[in-house]
Amino acid sequence: MNRLHVQELLPFTQSHAGVVLLDVREPWEVALAPLVVEGVRTMSMPMGEVPARCAELDPQQPVVCFCHHGMRSAQVVAFLMHQGHPAVYNLEGGTDAWARQVDPAMPRY
């Protein structure tokens, strides 16, 4: 499985054109603690909706999946890779790690 450490996310988005951040958390989690990277498209697609909506993702586009701690997003990465998306990455530690290591102003829950 392809993984990215939270401190690798910004350099990754700058060196890979067209990266999509795929937030697989529930809507209430996204509203509570959004992860926004300037200039990078973020899609909200709760984990349970991914099988029905995965056609919305371009298989040739790099996708970084994330959730609260990285467990749901790891499952989504495995699913998308099985569906033929080779450039899919799991953000290790999710938004919790992002808030602790990159953006301490981000709410933790």
Protein backbone atom coordinates (compact mmCIF):
# COMPACT_ATOMS: atom_id res chain seq x y z
CA MET A 1 0.00 0.00 0.00
CA ASN A 2 1.21 3.48 -0.85
CA ARG A 3 1.56 5.66 2.25
CA LEU A 4 2.36 9.29 2.94
CA HIS A 5 3.48 10.70 6.26
CA VAL A 6 1.61 13.91 7.13
CA GLN A 7 4.83 15.90 6.78
CA GLU A 8 5.22 14.57 3.22
CA LEU A 9 1.79 15.74 2.07
CA LEU A 10 2.64 19.34 1.13
CA PRO A 11 5.79 18.44 -0.84
CA PHE A 12 3.85 15.62 -2.53
CA THR A 13 1.06 17.96 -3.65
CA GLN A 14 3.62 20.41 -5.00
CA SER A 15 5.51 17.78 -7.00
CA HIS A 16 2.52 15.86 -8.41
CA ALA A 17 0.11 17.66 -10.72
CA GLY A 18 -3.61 17.20 -10.18
CA VAL A 19 -3.53 15.60 -6.74
CA VAL A 20 -6.94 15.06 -5.17
CA LEU A 21 -7.35 14.83 -1.41
CA LEU A 22 -10.11 12.30 -0.73
CA ASP A 23 -11.70 12.81 2.68
CA VAL A 24 -13.49 9.57 3.58
CA ARG A 25 -14.78 10.78 6.96
CA GLU A 26 -18.43 11.37 7.76
CA PRO A 27 -19.89 14.84 7.03
CA TRP A 28 -19.96 15.82 10.71
CA GLU A 29 -16.22 15.07 10.98
CA VAL A 30 -15.44 17.13 7.89
CA ALA A 31 -17.45 20.05 9.29
CA LEU A 32 -15.69 19.79 12.67
CA ALA A 33 -12.10 19.58 11.38
CA PRO A 34 -11.63 20.21 7.65
CA LEU A 35 -8.21 19.49 6.16
CA VAL A 36 -7.54 22.09 3.49
CA VAL A 37 -4.38 22.42 1.42
CA GLU A 38 -4.30 25.61 -0.59
CA GLY A 39 -4.45 24.96 -4.33
CA VAL A 40 -5.34 21.28 -3.92
CA ARG A 41 -8.81 19.89 -4.63
CA THR A 42 -10.46 18.10 -1.71
CA MET A 43 -13.37 15.73 -2.28
CA SER A 44 -15.59 14.52 0.53
CA MET A 45 -16.69 10.93 -0.03
CA PRO A 46 -17.62 9.04 3.13
CA MET A 47 -16.15 5.54 3.18
CA GLY A 48 -19.56 3.90 2.79
CA GLU A 49 -20.18 5.82 -0.45
CA VAL A 50 -16.87 4.97 -2.13
CA PRO A 51 -18.02 1.81 -3.97
CA ALA A 52 -20.94 3.66 -5.55
CA ARG A 53 -18.97 6.83 -6.30
CA CYS A 54 -15.46 5.62 -7.21
CA ALA A 55 -16.17 6.38 -10.89
CA GLU A 56 -15.93 10.06 -9.92
CA LEU A 57 -12.18 9.55 -9.50
CA ASP A 58 -9.81 9.52 -12.46
CA PRO A 59 -7.63 6.38 -12.21
CA GLN A 60 -4.69 8.32 -13.64
CA GLN A 61 -4.90 11.12 -11.09
CA PRO A 62 -2.96 10.87 -7.81
CA VAL A 63 -5.34 10.54 -4.86
CA VAL A 64 -4.42 10.92 -1.19
CA CYS A 65 -7.07 9.37 1.05
CA PHE A 66 -7.47 10.42 4.65
CA CYS A 67 -9.75 10.00 7.62
CA HIS A 68 -9.43 10.65 11.36
CA HIS A 69 -6.63 8.17 12.17
CA GLY A 70 -5.88 6.45 8.86
CA MET A 71 -7.76 3.17 9.28
CA ARG A 72 -10.80 3.87 7.08
CA SER A 73 -8.64 5.57 4.48
CA ALA A 74 -6.32 2.53 4.37
CA GLN A 75 -9.33 0.37 3.52
CA VAL A 76 -10.40 2.82 0.82
CA VAL A 77 -6.87 2.84 -0.65
CA ALA A 78 -6.90 -0.96 -0.84
CA PHE A 79 -10.34 -0.90 -2.49
CA LEU A 80 -9.38 1.77 -5.04
CA MET A 81 -6.14 -0.03 -5.90
CA HIS A 82 -8.17 -3.19 -6.51
CA GLN A 83 -10.43 -1.13 -8.79
CA GLY A 84 -7.46 -0.08 -10.93
CA HIS A 85 -6.29 3.16 -9.31
CA PRO A 86 -2.50 2.76 -9.03
CA ALA A 87 -1.68 6.25 -7.69
CA VAL A 88 -3.64 6.13 -4.43
CA TYR A 89 -1.98 6.93 -1.11
CA ASN A 90 -3.02 6.67 2.53
CA LEU A 91 -2.25 9.67 4.74
CA GLU A 92 -0.78 7.95 7.79
CA GLY A 93 -2.32 9.07 11.05
CA GLY A 94 -5.05 11.06 9.30
CA THR A 95 -6.33 14.38 10.49
CA ASP A 96 -5.30 13.63 14.06
CA ALA A 97 -1.62 13.37 13.01
CA TRP A 98 -2.03 16.43 10.78
CA ALA A 99 -3.36 18.46 13.72
CA ARG A 100 -0.57 17.26 16.04
CA GLN A 101 2.37 17.55 13.63
CA VAL A 102 1.50 20.09 10.93
CA ASP A 103 -1.42 22.35 11.88
CA PRO A 104 -1.93 22.67 15.65
CA ALA A 105 -4.79 25.14 15.01
CA MET A 106 -6.86 22.33 13.50
CA PRO A 107 -9.46 21.00 15.96
CA ARG A 108 -8.84 17.52 17.33
CA TYR A 109 -11.63 15.16 18.26
